[in-house]
Each structure stands twice: as C-alpha cells, then as structure tokens.
Amino acid sequence: MVKVKEIFTSIQGEGPYIGYKQLFIRFCGCNLNCSYCDTDFDAIDAKEYTAHELLEIISRNSDCHSVSLTGGEPLIHSEFLLPVVKQSALPVYLETNGTLYRNLEEIIDYVTYISADIKLPASTGGKAMWEEHDKFFEIAKTKKLFAKAVFNQDITQEEIIKMCELCKKHNIELILQPMMHENKPSVDSEFMEKTLNSCLKIYTNVRLIPQVHKFLNII
C-alpha cells in the first residue's frame, strides 16, 4: 500500500498539454524540498491505497486524456507503481522533479508522457541538479518528454545557459514557467520576455507558459 494525498479530475494547467482533462493521483513524500513548492503532499490526512484500488479508480475515468501521477515525487514509490502503470486503462502522464533516474528505469516502459522539472537553484533554494537531470533525460527522452523550469527574478545567465544546453543535448522541449504568487506571476511581462529571449538565443525549442489553471481558478 502507499499513501495518497488526493485523487481528483481536473484540467492539466501546465506545459504543452494544457486543457486536457486528467485524473490526478497525488502521492505523498518527496526527495527534495523546493522553496517555491505550493503543493500539500504531507502524509497527514492521507489515505492508503493498494495498486488494485488505484487501477479500479483509473478504469472508472475513461473520459480522461491520461492519468497524472504527481506529488510530491511519485517516483519514490516506483516499486509500488510498476503494476499500476503496467495495467493502467489510461495513458500514464508522469509529473516528476527529474532527479530519480534509477527509479524511472523501473517503470519507463509503461509511461507515455513525462513532465520533468529542471530545478534551478535560484528558485528552489537548493543545490544544482544538472548531473541528475542529464541522466534522467537520457532515459526519459524515449517517451513524450518535455522539461519544465520554474523561474523567478533571481534566475542567472549561467542557469539559462545550462538548462538550454541540456535540453538542446537531448532535443527536448523546454517550458519556462514563471513562479506564481497566489494567482499572479512573480515577475512582470517584460522580465518574462527577456528571459524567453535569452533562452531562444541558445535553443529555439522553448516556450513560456504560466500555470493556466491558477488564472482560471481551477484546482
């Protein structure tokens, strides 16, 4: 069994699959502690589920585009997830911090979409994870993968260069996502455009997409 914070249906509000209806399964726990994280994935008030119970819930939501395994960090439960992703009635959309590449190897064959973060120290308040992301993308790029980088006013030119070169190396789309304060971006439109243009000088497959579900006031 594994602890799940919540299960619900809503639209995907981030990245290139915005607007698709998904079944979200939010797992408890994470191997990182990003300062900007606005997700409640603490085990308090969480409910335990078996793999069979999750598969039953997935099968009852056939009108959804996919099932989003999110958190927290779902890959810390990779051993538990194997029968879930293997037997899922919906395509599997993995939302991950893009660091647990060994865990990804355990379930990669049964995942369709991967939304993988690039953790920028300027916004996370943590250490750089370039080597982990590099190894993760090498495995994940066999699937429908995109990278997502949450940024604020403290983003550095070094971070811009490194994340763009990393995505260029693996030929994957990079989504720039401005950090939000409640329902508003933490940076103004001029700074967003400046950051996007700085990236485009290095790598052309880059888009700027905010968290649309927050503008729409949708969970």
C-alpha atoms as a PDB file:
ATOM      1  CA  MET A   1       0.000   0.000   0.000  1.00  0.00           C
ATOM      2  CA  VAL A   2       1.037   3.604  -0.493  1.00  0.00           C
ATOM      3  CA  LYS A   3      -0.174   6.917   0.950  1.00  0.00           C
ATOM      4  CA  VAL A   4      -2.020   9.188  -1.470  1.00  0.00           C
ATOM      5  CA  LYS A   5      -2.848  12.777  -0.566  1.00  0.00           C
ATOM      6  CA  GLU A   6      -5.696  13.215  -3.025  1.00  0.00           C
ATOM      7  CA  ILE A   7      -7.315  11.855  -6.169  1.00  0.00           C
ATOM      8  CA  PHE A   8      -9.371  14.140  -8.415  1.00  0.00           C
ATOM      9  CA  THR A   9     -10.165  15.029 -12.011  1.00  0.00           C
ATOM     10  CA  SER A  10      -9.355  18.429 -13.484  1.00  0.00           C
ATOM     11  CA  ILE A  11      -7.687  20.009 -16.491  1.00  0.00           C
ATOM     12  CA  GLN A  12      -3.940  19.950 -16.937  1.00  0.00           C
ATOM     13  CA  GLY A  13      -2.771  23.504 -16.282  1.00  0.00           C
ATOM     14  CA  GLU A  14       0.930  23.311 -17.106  1.00  0.00           C
ATOM     15  CA  GLY A  15       3.089  22.650 -20.135  1.00  0.00           C
ATOM     16  CA  PRO A  16       2.157  21.648 -23.688  1.00  0.00           C
ATOM     17  CA  TYR A  17      -0.838  19.506 -22.669  1.00  0.00           C
ATOM     18  CA  ILE A  18      -2.795  22.360 -21.112  1.00  0.00           C
ATOM     19  CA  GLY A  19      -6.555  21.905 -21.247  1.00  0.00           C
ATOM     20  CA  TYR A  20      -6.717  18.120 -21.345  1.00  0.00           C
ATOM     21  CA  LYS A  21      -8.881  16.502 -18.693  1.00  0.00           C
ATOM     22  CA  GLN A  22      -6.826  14.263 -16.458  1.00  0.00           C
ATOM     23  CA  LEU A  23      -7.211  12.034 -13.453  1.00  0.00           C
ATOM     24  CA  PHE A  24      -4.698  13.279 -10.884  1.00  0.00           C
ATOM     25  CA  ILE A  25      -3.242  10.935  -8.269  1.00  0.00           C
ATOM     26  CA  ARG A  26      -1.133  12.941  -5.838  1.00  0.00           C
ATOM     27  CA  PHE A  27       1.343  10.830  -3.881  1.00  0.00           C
ATOM     28  CA  CYS A  28       2.843  11.804  -0.539  1.00  0.00           C
ATOM     29  CA  GLY A  29       6.524  12.454   0.001  1.00  0.00           C
ATOM     30  CA  CYS A  30       9.351  13.991  -1.985  1.00  0.00           C
ATOM     31  CA  ASN A  31      13.130  13.637  -2.111  1.00  0.00           C
ATOM     32  CA  LEU A  32      13.537  17.425  -2.486  1.00  0.00           C
ATOM     33  CA  ASN A  33      12.385  20.494  -0.568  1.00  0.00           C
ATOM     34  CA  CYS A  34      11.961  23.341  -3.056  1.00  0.00           C
ATOM     35  CA  SER A  35      11.261  26.728  -1.514  1.00  0.00           C
ATOM     36  CA  TYR A  36       8.559  27.603  -4.070  1.00  0.00           C
ATOM     37  CA  CYS A  37       6.583  24.373  -3.751  1.00  0.00           C
ATOM     38  CA  ASP A  38       2.890  25.141  -3.241  1.00  0.00           C
ATOM     39  CA  THR A  39       1.702  21.526  -3.113  1.00  0.00           C
ATOM     40  CA  ASP A  40       0.396  19.865   0.019  1.00  0.00           C
ATOM     41  CA  PHE A  41       1.785  16.343  -0.167  1.00  0.00           C
ATOM     42  CA  ASP A  42       2.303  15.730   3.543  1.00  0.00           C
ATOM     43  CA  ALA A  43       1.160  12.312   4.750  1.00  0.00           C
ATOM     44  CA  ILE A  44      -1.153  13.880   7.339  1.00  0.00           C
ATOM     45  CA  ASP A  45      -4.774  13.082   6.424  1.00  0.00           C
ATOM     46  CA  ALA A  46      -3.574  10.948   3.515  1.00  0.00           C
ATOM     47  CA  LYS A  47      -5.303   7.684   2.606  1.00  0.00           C
ATOM     48  CA  GLU A  48      -3.610   4.385   1.862  1.00  0.00           C
ATOM     49  CA  TYR A  49      -4.377   2.597  -1.387  1.00  0.00           C
ATOM     50  CA  THR A  50      -3.433  -0.720  -2.897  1.00  0.00           C
ATOM     51  CA  ALA A  51      -2.369  -0.934  -6.534  1.00  0.00           C
ATOM     52  CA  HIS A  52      -5.634  -2.744  -7.287  1.00  0.00           C
ATOM     53  CA  GLU A  53      -7.695   0.074  -5.761  1.00  0.00           C
ATOM     54  CA  LEU A  54      -5.907   2.695  -7.862  1.00  0.00           C
ATOM     55  CA  LEU A  55      -6.403   0.622 -11.003  1.00  0.00           C
ATOM     56  CA  GLU A  56     -10.130   0.431 -10.257  1.00  0.00           C
ATOM     57  CA  ILE A  57     -10.318   4.225  -9.917  1.00  0.00           C
ATOM     58  CA  ILE A  58      -8.394   4.716 -13.168  1.00  0.00           C
ATOM     59  CA  SER A  59     -10.737   2.354 -15.014  1.00  0.00           C
ATOM     60  CA  ARG A  60     -13.750   4.437 -13.927  1.00  0.00           C
ATOM     61  CA  ASN A  61     -12.364   7.597 -15.553  1.00  0.00           C
ATOM     62  CA  SER A  62     -12.211   6.613 -19.202  1.00  0.00           C
ATOM     63  CA  ASP A  63     -13.211  10.124 -20.320  1.00  0.00           C
ATOM     64  CA  CYS A  64      -9.816  11.455 -19.205  1.00  0.00           C
ATOM     65  CA  HIS A  65      -6.917  12.033 -21.583  1.00  0.00           C
ATOM     66  CA  SER A  66      -4.488  10.358 -19.171  1.00  0.00           C
ATOM     67  CA  VAL A  67      -3.749   9.663 -15.529  1.00  0.00           C
ATOM     68  CA  SER A  68      -1.296  12.110 -13.985  1.00  0.00           C
ATOM     69  CA  LEU A  69       0.954  10.563 -11.349  1.00  0.00           C
ATOM     70  CA  THR A  70       2.083  13.559  -9.349  1.00  0.00           C
ATOM     71  CA  GLY A  71       3.054  14.585  -5.863  1.00  0.00           C
ATOM     72  CA  GLY A  72       5.275  15.187  -4.119  1.00  0.00           C
ATOM     73  CA  GLU A  73       7.523  12.930  -6.133  1.00  0.00           C
ATOM     74  CA  PRO A  74       5.762   9.809  -7.453  1.00  0.00           C
ATOM     75  CA  LEU A  75       8.998   8.073  -8.401  1.00  0.00           C
ATOM     76  CA  ILE A  76       9.922   7.497  -4.763  1.00  0.00           C
ATOM     77  CA  HIS A  77       7.142   4.877  -4.997  1.00  0.00           C
ATOM     78  CA  SER A  78       8.417   3.318  -8.231  1.00  0.00           C
ATOM     79  CA  GLU A  79       8.281  -0.271  -6.986  1.00  0.00           C
ATOM     80  CA  PHE A  80       4.644   0.161  -5.941  1.00  0.00           C
ATOM     81  CA  LEU A  81       3.825   1.960  -9.200  1.00  0.00           C
ATOM     82  CA  LEU A  82       5.033  -0.798 -11.513  1.00  0.00           C
ATOM     83  CA  PRO A  83       1.779  -2.839 -11.569  1.00  0.00           C
ATOM     84  CA  VAL A  84      -0.254   0.389 -11.711  1.00  0.00           C
ATOM     85  CA  VAL A  85       1.435   1.805 -14.797  1.00  0.00           C
ATOM     86  CA  LYS A  86       1.677  -1.622 -16.405  1.00  0.00           C
ATOM     87  CA  GLN A  87      -2.075  -2.260 -16.164  1.00  0.00           C
ATOM     88  CA  SER A  88      -3.442   1.293 -16.342  1.00  0.00           C
ATOM     89  CA  ALA A  89      -6.529   1.725 -18.527  1.00  0.00           C
ATOM     90  CA  LEU A  90      -5.354   5.269 -19.313  1.00  0.00           C
ATOM     91  CA  PRO A  91      -2.078   6.561 -20.755  1.00  0.00           C
ATOM     92  CA  VAL A  92       0.316   7.422 -17.923  1.00  0.00           C
ATOM     93  CA  TYR A  93       1.454  11.050 -17.521  1.00  0.00           C
ATOM     94  CA  LEU A  94       4.336  11.221 -15.058  1.00  0.00           C
ATOM     95  CA  GLU A  95       4.966  14.546 -13.293  1.00  0.00           C
ATOM     96  CA  THR A  96       8.399  14.407 -11.708  1.00  0.00           C
ATOM     97  CA  ASN A  97      11.253  16.517 -10.423  1.00  0.00           C
ATOM     98  CA  GLY A  98      13.519  14.785 -12.923  1.00  0.00           C
ATOM     99  CA  THR A  99      16.169  13.540 -10.498  1.00  0.00           C
ATOM    100  CA  LEU A 100      15.395   9.893  -9.685  1.00  0.00           C
ATOM    101  CA  TYR A 101      16.664   8.346 -12.905  1.00  0.00           C
ATOM    102  CA  ARG A 102      17.237   4.875 -11.415  1.00  0.00           C
ATOM    103  CA  ASN A 103      13.621   4.751 -10.239  1.00  0.00           C
ATOM    104  CA  LEU A 104      12.451   5.896 -13.668  1.00  0.00           C
ATOM    105  CA  GLU A 105      14.171   2.911 -15.252  1.00  0.00           C
ATOM    106  CA  GLU A 106      11.846   0.600 -13.307  1.00  0.00           C
ATOM    107  CA  ILE A 107       8.654   1.940 -14.920  1.00  0.00           C
ATOM    108  CA  ILE A 108       9.739   3.755 -18.105  1.00  0.00           C
ATOM    109  CA  ASP A 109       8.387   1.058 -20.428  1.00  0.00           C
ATOM    110  CA  TYR A 110       4.818   1.773 -19.309  1.00  0.00           C
ATOM    111  CA  VAL A 111       4.840   5.592 -19.266  1.00  0.00           C
ATOM    112  CA  THR A 112       3.586   7.667 -22.226  1.00  0.00           C
ATOM    113  CA  TYR A 113       4.145  11.292 -21.152  1.00  0.00           C
ATOM    114  CA  ILE A 114       6.823  12.735 -18.877  1.00  0.00           C
ATOM    115  CA  SER A 115       6.812  16.250 -17.438  1.00  0.00           C
ATOM    116  CA  ALA A 116      10.264  16.613 -15.870  1.00  0.00           C
ATOM    117  CA  ASP A 117      11.419  19.620 -13.895  1.00  0.00           C
ATOM    118  CA  ILE A 118      14.749  21.346 -14.192  1.00  0.00           C
ATOM    119  CA  LYS A 119      15.480  22.541 -10.686  1.00  0.00           C
ATOM    120  CA  LEU A 120      17.111  25.978 -10.801  1.00  0.00           C
ATOM    121  CA  PRO A 121      18.952  26.838  -7.552  1.00  0.00           C
ATOM    122  CA  ALA A 122      17.875  30.489  -7.861  1.00  0.00           C
ATOM    123  CA  SER A 123      14.226  29.479  -7.476  1.00  0.00           C
ATOM    124  CA  THR A 124      14.389  26.248  -5.447  1.00  0.00           C
ATOM    125  CA  GLY A 125      16.809  27.485  -2.822  1.00  0.00           C
ATOM    126  CA  GLY A 126      18.583  24.141  -3.151  1.00  0.00           C
ATOM    127  CA  LYS A 127      21.642  22.762  -4.861  1.00  0.00           C
ATOM    128  CA  ALA A 128      22.092  22.366  -8.621  1.00  0.00           C
ATOM    129  CA  MET A 129      20.902  19.026 -10.063  1.00  0.00           C
ATOM    130  CA  TRP A 130      22.423  19.222 -13.562  1.00  0.00           C
ATOM    131  CA  GLU A 131      24.017  15.768 -13.495  1.00  0.00           C
ATOM    132  CA  GLU A 132      20.850  14.112 -12.201  1.00  0.00           C
ATOM    133  CA  HIS A 133      18.713  15.850 -14.839  1.00  0.00           C
ATOM    134  CA  ASP A 134      21.138  14.842 -17.577  1.00  0.00           C
ATOM    135  CA  LYS A 135      20.947  11.164 -16.619  1.00  0.00           C
ATOM    136  CA  PHE A 136      17.178  11.382 -16.200  1.00  0.00           C
ATOM    137  CA  PHE A 137      16.623  12.937 -19.646  1.00  0.00           C
ATOM    138  CA  GLU A 138      18.816  10.315 -21.285  1.00  0.00           C
ATOM    139  CA  ILE A 139      16.333   7.675 -20.123  1.00  0.00           C
ATOM    140  CA  ALA A 140      13.135   9.723 -20.388  1.00  0.00           C
ATOM    141  CA  LYS A 141      13.626  11.058 -23.927  1.00  0.00           C
ATOM    142  CA  THR A 142      12.436   7.752 -25.400  1.00  0.00           C
ATOM    143  CA  LYS A 143       8.945   8.898 -24.346  1.00  0.00           C
ATOM    144  CA  LYS A 144       6.894  12.062 -24.943  1.00  0.00           C
ATOM    145  CA  LEU A 145       9.089  14.191 -22.729  1.00  0.00           C
ATOM    146  CA  PHE A 146       9.272  17.894 -22.012  1.00  0.00           C
ATOM    147  CA  ALA A 147      11.269  19.811 -19.422  1.00  0.00           C
ATOM    148  CA  LYS A 148       9.781  22.490 -17.200  1.00  0.00           C
ATOM    149  CA  ALA A 149      11.765  25.171 -15.379  1.00  0.00           C
ATOM    150  CA  VAL A 150      10.145  27.366 -12.735  1.00  0.00           C
ATOM    151  CA  PHE A 151      11.947  30.705 -12.597  1.00  0.00           C
ATOM    152  CA  ASN A 152      11.824  33.972 -10.685  1.00  0.00           C
ATOM    153  CA  GLN A 153      13.652  37.308 -10.793  1.00  0.00           C
ATOM    154  CA  ASP A 154      16.796  35.652  -9.423  1.00  0.00           C
ATOM    155  CA  ILE A 155      17.427  33.383 -12.420  1.00  0.00           C
ATOM    156  CA  THR A 156      21.041  33.699 -13.583  1.00  0.00           C
ATOM    157  CA  GLN A 157      22.578  33.718 -17.028  1.00  0.00           C
ATOM    158  CA  GLU A 158      24.549  30.635 -16.045  1.00  0.00           C
ATOM    159  CA  GLU A 159      21.321  28.792 -15.249  1.00  0.00           C
ATOM    160  CA  ILE A 160      19.792  29.879 -18.554  1.00  0.00           C
ATOM    161  CA  ILE A 161      22.801  28.608 -20.480  1.00  0.00           C
ATOM    162  CA  LYS A 162      22.979  25.295 -18.636  1.00  0.00           C
ATOM    163  CA  MET A 163      19.286  24.426 -18.911  1.00  0.00           C
ATOM    164  CA  CYS A 164      19.108  25.382 -22.579  1.00  0.00           C
ATOM    165  CA  GLU A 165      22.230  23.418 -23.432  1.00  0.00           C
ATOM    166  CA  LEU A 166      20.873  20.440 -21.508  1.00  0.00           C
ATOM    167  CA  CYS A 167      17.583  20.463 -23.441  1.00  0.00           C
ATOM    168  CA  LYS A 168      19.429  21.003 -26.702  1.00  0.00           C
ATOM    169  CA  LYS A 169      21.648  18.000 -25.970  1.00  0.00           C
ATOM    170  CA  HIS A 170      18.608  15.758 -25.528  1.00  0.00           C
ATOM    171  CA  ASN A 171      16.464  17.514 -28.165  1.00  0.00           C
ATOM    172  CA  ILE A 172      13.512  18.110 -25.836  1.00  0.00           C
ATOM    173  CA  GLU A 173      11.105  20.998 -25.469  1.00  0.00           C
ATOM    174  CA  LEU A 174      11.755  23.443 -22.636  1.00  0.00           C
ATOM    175  CA  ILE A 175       8.817  25.123 -20.934  1.00  0.00           C
ATOM    176  CA  LEU A 176       9.587  28.277 -18.954  1.00  0.00           C
ATOM    177  CA  GLN A 177       7.124  28.678 -16.099  1.00  0.00           C
ATOM    178  CA  PRO A 178       7.173  31.897 -14.065  1.00  0.00           C
ATOM    179  CA  MET A 179       6.879  31.341 -10.345  1.00  0.00           C
ATOM    180  CA  MET A 180       3.443  32.316  -9.075  1.00  0.00           C
ATOM    181  CA  HIS A 181       2.435  34.302  -6.007  1.00  0.00           C
ATOM    182  CA  GLU A 182      -1.146  33.224  -5.394  1.00  0.00           C
ATOM    183  CA  ASN A 183      -2.729  33.702  -8.849  1.00  0.00           C
ATOM    184  CA  LYS A 184      -0.208  36.158 -10.267  1.00  0.00           C
ATOM    185  CA  PRO A 185       3.254  35.676 -11.784  1.00  0.00           C
ATOM    186  CA  SER A 186       6.097  36.768  -9.508  1.00  0.00           C
ATOM    187  CA  VAL A 187       7.771  38.617 -12.408  1.00  0.00           C
ATOM    188  CA  ASP A 188       6.374  41.148 -14.853  1.00  0.00           C
ATOM    189  CA  SER A 189       5.809  40.594 -18.557  1.00  0.00           C
ATOM    190  CA  GLU A 190       8.979  42.466 -19.503  1.00  0.00           C
ATOM    191  CA  PHE A 191      11.123  40.132 -17.385  1.00  0.00           C
ATOM    192  CA  MET A 192       9.333  37.078 -18.794  1.00  0.00           C
ATOM    193  CA  GLU A 193      10.012  38.208 -22.354  1.00  0.00           C
ATOM    194  CA  LYS A 194      13.630  38.995 -21.537  1.00  0.00           C
ATOM    195  CA  THR A 195      14.134  35.526 -20.042  1.00  0.00           C
ATOM    196  CA  LEU A 196      12.494  33.823 -23.010  1.00  0.00           C
ATOM    197  CA  ASN A 197      14.618  35.775 -25.481  1.00  0.00           C
ATOM    198  CA  SER A 198      17.782  34.903 -23.560  1.00  0.00           C
ATOM    199  CA  CYS A 199      16.884  31.230 -23.898  1.00  0.00           C
ATOM    200  CA  LEU A 200      15.996  31.475 -27.585  1.00  0.00           C
ATOM    201  CA  LYS A 201      19.482  32.770 -28.369  1.00  0.00           C
ATOM    202  CA  ILE A 202      20.791  29.397 -27.217  1.00  0.00           C
ATOM    203  CA  TYR A 203      17.973  26.971 -28.039  1.00  0.00           C
ATOM    204  CA  THR A 204      14.898  27.523 -30.202  1.00  0.00           C
ATOM    205  CA  ASN A 205      12.536  24.870 -28.798  1.00  0.00           C
ATOM    206  CA  VAL A 206      11.495  26.963 -25.806  1.00  0.00           C
ATOM    207  CA  ARG A 207       8.057  28.229 -24.776  1.00  0.00           C
ATOM    208  CA  LEU A 208       6.813  30.470 -21.985  1.00  0.00           C
ATOM    209  CA  ILE A 209       3.683  29.009 -20.358  1.00  0.00           C
ATOM    210  CA  PRO A 210       2.381  30.065 -16.927  1.00  0.00           C
ATOM    211  CA  GLN A 211       0.206  27.915 -14.668  1.00  0.00           C
ATOM    212  CA  VAL A 212      -3.038  28.408 -16.561  1.00  0.00           C
ATOM    213  CA  HIS A 213      -5.210  26.599 -14.000  1.00  0.00           C
ATOM    214  CA  LYS A 214      -4.416  29.325 -11.473  1.00  0.00           C
ATOM    215  CA  PHE A 215      -5.670  32.043 -13.838  1.00  0.00           C
ATOM    216  CA  LEU A 216      -8.865  30.008 -14.285  1.00  0.00           C
ATOM    217  CA  ASN A 217      -9.145  29.331 -10.551  1.00  0.00           C
ATOM    218  CA  ILE A 218      -9.213  25.604 -11.163  1.00  0.00           C
ATOM    219  CA  ILE A 219      -7.567  23.106  -8.810  1.00  0.00           C
END
